[in-house]
Amino acid sequence: MSYCINPHCPKPADPANANNRICRNCGSEILLLGRYRVIKQLGGGGFGQTFEVDDSGTAKVLKVLTENNSKAIELFQQEAKVLSQLNSGGIPKVDSDGYFTVSPKNRQKRHYILLLY
């Protein structure tokens, strides 16, 4: 399964996208950074959504900031920084290249945090 995380995609969970790099419904990248395949949505609310992703056979969690205002972006970046500095069981760890941005097709830049559990 592949899940399109473009918030304007008319059919994000289309089974026909299973092995695609590009969503057949909206034209957005499905394989983020050519590496991360979004499997399913885990939750959402507030300022973000969370998804399960596959990174070459390793399951990870992707947080996506859904608000695009400066305060929300600042807090999201601060969260990534704090999580990357913590090293304690039970607290997710930010992947080494775990904070990144992507501009979906014809949309504003989106901010992401990739977490290891």
N, C-alpha and C. Protein backbone atom coordinates (compact mmCIF):
# COMPACT_ATOMS: atom_id res chain seq x y z
N MET A 1 0.84 -1.17 0.00
CA MET A 1 0.00 0.00 0.00
C MET A 1 0.89 1.24 0.00
N SER A 2 0.47 2.24 -0.69
CA SER A 2 1.12 3.55 -0.68
C SER A 2 0.04 4.59 -0.43
N TYR A 3 0.37 5.57 0.36
CA TYR A 3 -0.59 6.59 0.75
C TYR A 3 -0.05 7.95 0.29
N CYS A 4 -0.88 8.72 -0.41
CA CYS A 4 -0.49 10.05 -0.85
C CYS A 4 -0.79 11.05 0.27
N ILE A 5 0.21 11.84 0.65
CA ILE A 5 -0.01 12.77 1.76
C ILE A 5 -0.29 14.20 1.31
N ASN A 6 -0.55 14.38 0.03
CA ASN A 6 -1.01 15.69 -0.43
C ASN A 6 -2.39 15.92 0.17
N PRO A 7 -2.57 16.98 0.97
CA PRO A 7 -3.86 17.20 1.63
C PRO A 7 -5.01 17.45 0.65
N HIS A 8 -4.71 17.72 -0.60
CA HIS A 8 -5.74 17.99 -1.59
C HIS A 8 -5.96 16.82 -2.55
N CYS A 9 -5.33 15.68 -2.27
CA CYS A 9 -5.48 14.51 -3.12
C CYS A 9 -6.91 13.96 -2.96
N PRO A 10 -7.61 13.73 -4.07
CA PRO A 10 -8.98 13.22 -3.97
C PRO A 10 -9.07 11.76 -3.52
N LYS A 11 -7.99 11.00 -3.64
CA LYS A 11 -8.03 9.57 -3.27
C LYS A 11 -6.66 9.15 -2.73
N PRO A 12 -6.30 9.59 -1.51
CA PRO A 12 -4.95 9.34 -1.00
C PRO A 12 -4.62 7.87 -0.76
N ALA A 13 -5.61 7.04 -0.50
CA ALA A 13 -5.35 5.62 -0.22
C ALA A 13 -5.66 4.73 -1.42
N ASP A 14 -5.48 5.24 -2.62
CA ASP A 14 -5.78 4.49 -3.84
C ASP A 14 -4.85 3.27 -3.95
N PRO A 15 -5.40 2.04 -3.96
CA PRO A 15 -4.56 0.84 -4.07
C PRO A 15 -3.73 0.80 -5.37
N ALA A 16 -4.17 1.52 -6.39
CA ALA A 16 -3.44 1.54 -7.66
C ALA A 16 -2.09 2.26 -7.54
N ASN A 17 -1.87 2.97 -6.44
CA ASN A 17 -0.60 3.66 -6.22
C ASN A 17 0.44 2.79 -5.52
N ALA A 18 0.14 1.52 -5.31
CA ALA A 18 0.98 0.63 -4.51
C ALA A 18 2.46 0.67 -4.86
N ASN A 19 2.80 0.72 -6.11
CA ASN A 19 4.21 0.70 -6.51
C ASN A 19 4.62 1.95 -7.29
N ASN A 20 3.79 2.97 -7.25
CA ASN A 20 4.06 4.20 -7.99
C ASN A 20 4.97 5.14 -7.22
N ARG A 21 5.70 5.96 -7.95
CA ARG A 21 6.49 7.06 -7.36
C ARG A 21 5.66 8.34 -7.35
N ILE A 22 4.68 8.42 -8.26
CA ILE A 22 3.84 9.59 -8.42
C ILE A 22 2.38 9.17 -8.25
N CYS A 23 1.60 9.95 -7.51
CA CYS A 23 0.19 9.65 -7.30
C CYS A 23 -0.57 9.79 -8.62
N ARG A 24 -1.33 8.78 -8.96
CA ARG A 24 -2.08 8.82 -10.21
C ARG A 24 -3.30 9.72 -10.14
N ASN A 25 -3.65 10.19 -8.93
CA ASN A 25 -4.82 11.05 -8.76
C ASN A 25 -4.50 12.54 -8.72
N CYS A 26 -3.34 12.89 -8.16
CA CYS A 26 -3.02 14.32 -8.02
C CYS A 26 -1.65 14.70 -8.56
N GLY A 27 -0.82 13.71 -8.91
CA GLY A 27 0.50 13.99 -9.47
C GLY A 27 1.58 14.29 -8.46
N SER A 28 1.30 14.15 -7.17
CA SER A 28 2.30 14.41 -6.12
C SER A 28 3.24 13.22 -5.97
N GLU A 29 4.43 13.50 -5.44
CA GLU A 29 5.39 12.44 -5.14
C GLU A 29 4.80 11.53 -4.06
N ILE A 30 4.87 10.25 -4.27
CA ILE A 30 4.47 9.29 -3.25
C ILE A 30 5.71 8.82 -2.49
N LEU A 31 6.79 8.65 -3.19
CA LEU A 31 8.04 8.23 -2.59
C LEU A 31 8.79 9.50 -2.18
N LEU A 32 8.65 9.90 -0.91
CA LEU A 32 9.25 11.14 -0.43
C LEU A 32 10.77 11.05 -0.45
N LEU A 33 11.38 12.07 -0.99
CA LEU A 33 12.84 12.17 -1.13
C LEU A 33 13.42 10.94 -1.84
N GLY A 34 12.57 10.29 -2.65
CA GLY A 34 13.01 9.11 -3.37
C GLY A 34 13.28 7.92 -2.48
N ARG A 35 12.81 7.97 -1.24
CA ARG A 35 13.20 6.98 -0.24
C ARG A 35 12.05 6.49 0.66
N TYR A 36 11.23 7.39 1.14
CA TYR A 36 10.22 7.05 2.15
C TYR A 36 8.86 6.83 1.50
N ARG A 37 8.33 5.61 1.66
CA ARG A 37 7.00 5.28 1.13
C ARG A 37 6.00 5.33 2.29
N VAL A 38 5.03 6.21 2.18
CA VAL A 38 4.00 6.33 3.22
C VAL A 38 3.04 5.16 3.07
N ILE A 39 2.86 4.43 4.17
CA ILE A 39 2.04 3.22 4.16
C ILE A 39 0.59 3.52 4.56
N LYS A 40 0.44 4.25 5.67
CA LYS A 40 -0.92 4.57 6.13
C LYS A 40 -0.87 5.72 7.11
N GLN A 41 -2.02 6.35 7.27
CA GLN A 41 -2.15 7.42 8.26
C GLN A 41 -2.39 6.80 9.63
N LEU A 42 -1.67 7.31 10.63
CA LEU A 42 -1.82 6.82 12.00
C LEU A 42 -2.72 7.73 12.83
N GLY A 43 -2.68 9.01 12.56
CA GLY A 43 -3.49 9.94 13.33
C GLY A 43 -3.33 11.36 12.82
N GLY A 44 -4.06 12.24 13.47
CA GLY A 44 -3.97 13.64 13.08
C GLY A 44 -4.78 14.50 14.02
N GLY A 45 -4.53 15.77 13.94
CA GLY A 45 -5.23 16.73 14.77
C GLY A 45 -4.30 17.86 15.14
N GLY A 46 -4.88 18.92 15.61
CA GLY A 46 -4.06 20.06 15.99
C GLY A 46 -3.34 20.63 14.79
N PHE A 47 -2.01 20.60 14.84
CA PHE A 47 -1.19 21.19 13.78
C PHE A 47 -0.55 20.16 12.86
N GLY A 48 -0.87 18.86 13.03
CA GLY A 48 -0.18 17.89 12.22
C GLY A 48 -0.90 16.58 12.04
N GLN A 49 -0.25 15.73 11.25
CA GLN A 49 -0.72 14.38 11.00
C GLN A 49 0.48 13.45 11.16
N THR A 50 0.20 12.19 11.49
CA THR A 50 1.27 11.20 11.60
C THR A 50 0.97 10.03 10.67
N PHE A 51 2.04 9.47 10.11
CA PHE A 51 1.92 8.39 9.15
C PHE A 51 2.98 7.33 9.45
N GLU A 52 2.67 6.09 9.10
CA GLU A 52 3.68 5.04 9.10
C GLU A 52 4.35 5.07 7.74
N VAL A 53 5.68 5.02 7.74
CA VAL A 53 6.42 4.99 6.47
C VAL A 53 7.37 3.80 6.46
N ASP A 54 7.71 3.38 5.26
CA ASP A 54 8.68 2.32 5.06
C ASP A 54 9.94 2.94 4.49
N ASP A 55 11.06 2.67 5.14
CA ASP A 55 12.36 3.14 4.67
C ASP A 55 13.21 1.91 4.37
N SER A 56 13.08 1.39 3.17
CA SER A 56 13.82 0.18 2.75
C SER A 56 13.64 -0.97 3.72
N GLY A 57 12.42 -1.23 4.14
CA GLY A 57 12.11 -2.34 5.03
C GLY A 57 12.07 -1.99 6.50
N THR A 58 12.44 -0.77 6.87
CA THR A 58 12.38 -0.34 8.27
C THR A 58 11.18 0.58 8.47
N ALA A 59 10.32 0.22 9.41
CA ALA A 59 9.14 1.04 9.71
C ALA A 59 9.56 2.24 10.55
N LYS A 60 9.06 3.41 10.15
CA LYS A 60 9.32 4.65 10.87
C LYS A 60 8.02 5.44 10.93
N VAL A 61 8.03 6.51 11.69
CA VAL A 61 6.86 7.37 11.81
C VAL A 61 7.21 8.75 11.25
N LEU A 62 6.31 9.28 10.44
CA LEU A 62 6.49 10.58 9.83
C LEU A 62 5.45 11.54 10.38
N LYS A 63 5.93 12.66 10.93
CA LYS A 63 5.02 13.72 11.37
C LYS A 63 5.03 14.81 10.31
N VAL A 64 3.84 15.28 9.95
CA VAL A 64 3.70 16.30 8.93
C VAL A 64 3.00 17.50 9.55
N LEU A 65 3.61 18.66 9.41
CA LEU A 65 3.01 19.90 9.89
C LEU A 65 1.95 20.32 8.88
N THR A 66 0.72 20.51 9.34
CA THR A 66 -0.37 20.89 8.44
C THR A 66 -0.64 22.39 8.44
N GLU A 67 -0.12 23.08 9.42
CA GLU A 67 -0.26 24.54 9.46
C GLU A 67 0.96 25.17 8.80
N ASN A 68 0.76 26.26 8.09
CA ASN A 68 1.89 26.88 7.41
C ASN A 68 2.07 28.32 7.86
N ASN A 69 1.97 28.53 9.17
CA ASN A 69 2.24 29.88 9.68
C ASN A 69 3.57 29.86 10.43
N SER A 70 4.16 31.01 10.57
CA SER A 70 5.53 31.09 11.11
C SER A 70 5.64 30.53 12.53
N LYS A 71 4.66 30.76 13.38
CA LYS A 71 4.72 30.27 14.77
C LYS A 71 4.67 28.74 14.80
N ALA A 72 3.76 28.15 14.01
CA ALA A 72 3.65 26.68 13.96
C ALA A 72 4.94 26.07 13.42
N ILE A 73 5.53 26.68 12.39
CA ILE A 73 6.78 26.17 11.82
C ILE A 73 7.90 26.26 12.86
N GLU A 74 7.96 27.37 13.58
CA GLU A 74 8.99 27.54 14.62
C GLU A 74 8.86 26.47 15.70
N LEU A 75 7.64 26.21 16.16
CA LEU A 75 7.42 25.19 17.19
C LEU A 75 7.73 23.79 16.67
N PHE A 76 7.41 23.51 15.43
CA PHE A 76 7.68 22.21 14.82
C PHE A 76 9.19 21.99 14.71
N GLN A 77 9.92 23.01 14.30
CA GLN A 77 11.38 22.92 14.21
C GLN A 77 12.00 22.73 15.60
N GLN A 78 11.42 23.41 16.58
CA GLN A 78 11.91 23.27 17.96
C GLN A 78 11.67 21.84 18.46
N GLU A 79 10.51 21.28 18.15
CA GLU A 79 10.21 19.90 18.53
C GLU A 79 11.24 18.94 17.92
N ALA A 80 11.55 19.11 16.64
CA ALA A 80 12.55 18.25 15.98
C ALA A 80 13.90 18.38 16.66
N LYS A 81 14.29 19.59 17.00
CA LYS A 81 15.60 19.82 17.64
C LYS A 81 15.65 19.14 19.01
N VAL A 82 14.62 19.32 19.81
CA VAL A 82 14.59 18.72 21.15
C VAL A 82 14.60 17.20 21.06
N LEU A 83 13.77 16.64 20.18
CA LEU A 83 13.73 15.18 20.05
C LEU A 83 15.06 14.62 19.56
N SER A 84 15.78 15.37 18.74
CA SER A 84 17.07 14.88 18.24
C SER A 84 18.14 14.88 19.34
N GLN A 85 17.94 15.67 20.38
CA GLN A 85 18.91 15.76 21.47
C GLN A 85 18.62 14.78 22.60
N LEU A 86 17.41 14.26 22.67
CA LEU A 86 17.04 13.33 23.74
C LEU A 86 17.51 11.92 23.40
N ASN A 87 17.88 11.18 24.43
CA ASN A 87 18.30 9.80 24.25
C ASN A 87 17.79 8.99 25.43
N SER A 88 16.51 8.65 25.36
CA SER A 88 15.88 7.94 26.45
C SER A 88 14.88 6.94 25.88
N GLY A 89 14.83 5.75 26.46
CA GLY A 89 13.86 4.75 26.03
C GLY A 89 12.45 5.28 26.14
N GLY A 90 11.62 4.96 25.17
CA GLY A 90 10.24 5.40 25.18
C GLY A 90 10.00 6.74 24.52
N ILE A 91 11.07 7.48 24.24
CA ILE A 91 10.93 8.76 23.56
C ILE A 91 11.45 8.57 22.15
N PRO A 92 10.62 8.92 21.16
CA PRO A 92 11.08 8.72 19.77
C PRO A 92 12.31 9.56 19.46
N LYS A 93 13.15 9.02 18.61
CA LYS A 93 14.39 9.67 18.21
C LYS A 93 14.23 10.18 16.78
N VAL A 94 14.66 11.39 16.54
CA VAL A 94 14.62 11.93 15.19
C VAL A 94 15.73 11.29 14.37
N ASP A 95 15.39 10.80 13.19
CA ASP A 95 16.36 10.21 12.28
C ASP A 95 17.44 11.24 11.96
N SER A 96 18.63 10.78 11.56
CA SER A 96 19.77 11.68 11.32
C SER A 96 19.44 12.78 10.31
N ASP A 97 18.69 12.46 9.29
CA ASP A 97 18.25 13.49 8.34
C ASP A 97 16.73 13.65 8.46
N GLY A 98 16.27 13.61 9.70
CA GLY A 98 14.85 13.51 9.99
C GLY A 98 14.00 14.75 9.88
N TYR A 99 14.59 15.93 9.78
CA TYR A 99 13.77 17.12 9.55
C TYR A 99 14.00 17.55 8.11
N PHE A 100 12.92 17.64 7.35
CA PHE A 100 13.06 18.05 5.96
C PHE A 100 11.78 18.72 5.48
N THR A 101 11.88 19.37 4.34
CA THR A 101 10.73 20.01 3.72
C THR A 101 10.58 19.48 2.30
N VAL A 102 9.34 19.45 1.83
CA VAL A 102 9.03 19.04 0.46
C VAL A 102 7.93 19.96 -0.04
N SER A 103 8.00 20.32 -1.30
CA SER A 103 6.94 21.12 -1.92
C SER A 103 6.12 20.21 -2.83
N PRO A 104 4.91 19.78 -2.37
CA PRO A 104 4.07 18.94 -3.23
C PRO A 104 3.70 19.71 -4.51
N LYS A 105 3.35 18.97 -5.53
CA LYS A 105 3.02 19.56 -6.83
C LYS A 105 2.00 20.69 -6.67
N ASN A 106 2.38 21.87 -7.12
CA ASN A 106 1.52 23.06 -7.11
C ASN A 106 1.01 23.44 -5.72
N ARG A 107 1.76 23.15 -4.67
CA ARG A 107 1.35 23.45 -3.29
C ARG A 107 2.49 24.09 -2.52
N GLN A 108 2.14 24.65 -1.35
CA GLN A 108 3.15 25.26 -0.48
C GLN A 108 4.06 24.19 0.11
N LYS A 109 5.25 24.63 0.49
CA LYS A 109 6.23 23.76 1.13
C LYS A 109 5.62 23.18 2.41
N ARG A 110 5.90 21.90 2.66
CA ARG A 110 5.44 21.23 3.88
C ARG A 110 6.64 20.78 4.67
N HIS A 111 6.49 20.74 6.00
CA HIS A 111 7.57 20.41 6.93
C HIS A 111 7.30 19.03 7.53
N TYR A 112 8.41 18.24 7.68
CA TYR A 112 8.31 16.86 8.13
C TYR A 112 9.35 16.56 9.20
N ILE A 113 8.98 15.64 10.11
CA ILE A 113 9.92 15.07 11.07
C ILE A 113 9.80 13.56 10.94
N LEU A 114 10.93 12.88 10.74
CA LEU A 114 10.96 11.43 10.63
C LEU A 114 11.48 10.86 11.95
N LEU A 115 10.70 9.98 12.56
CA LEU A 115 11.02 9.46 13.89
C LEU A 115 11.31 7.96 13.85
N LEU A 116 12.28 7.56 14.67
CA LEU A 116 12.60 6.16 14.90
C LEU A 116 12.03 5.75 16.24
N TYR A 117 11.54 4.55 16.34
CA TYR A 117 11.06 4.05 17.63
C TYR A 117 11.84 2.86 18.06
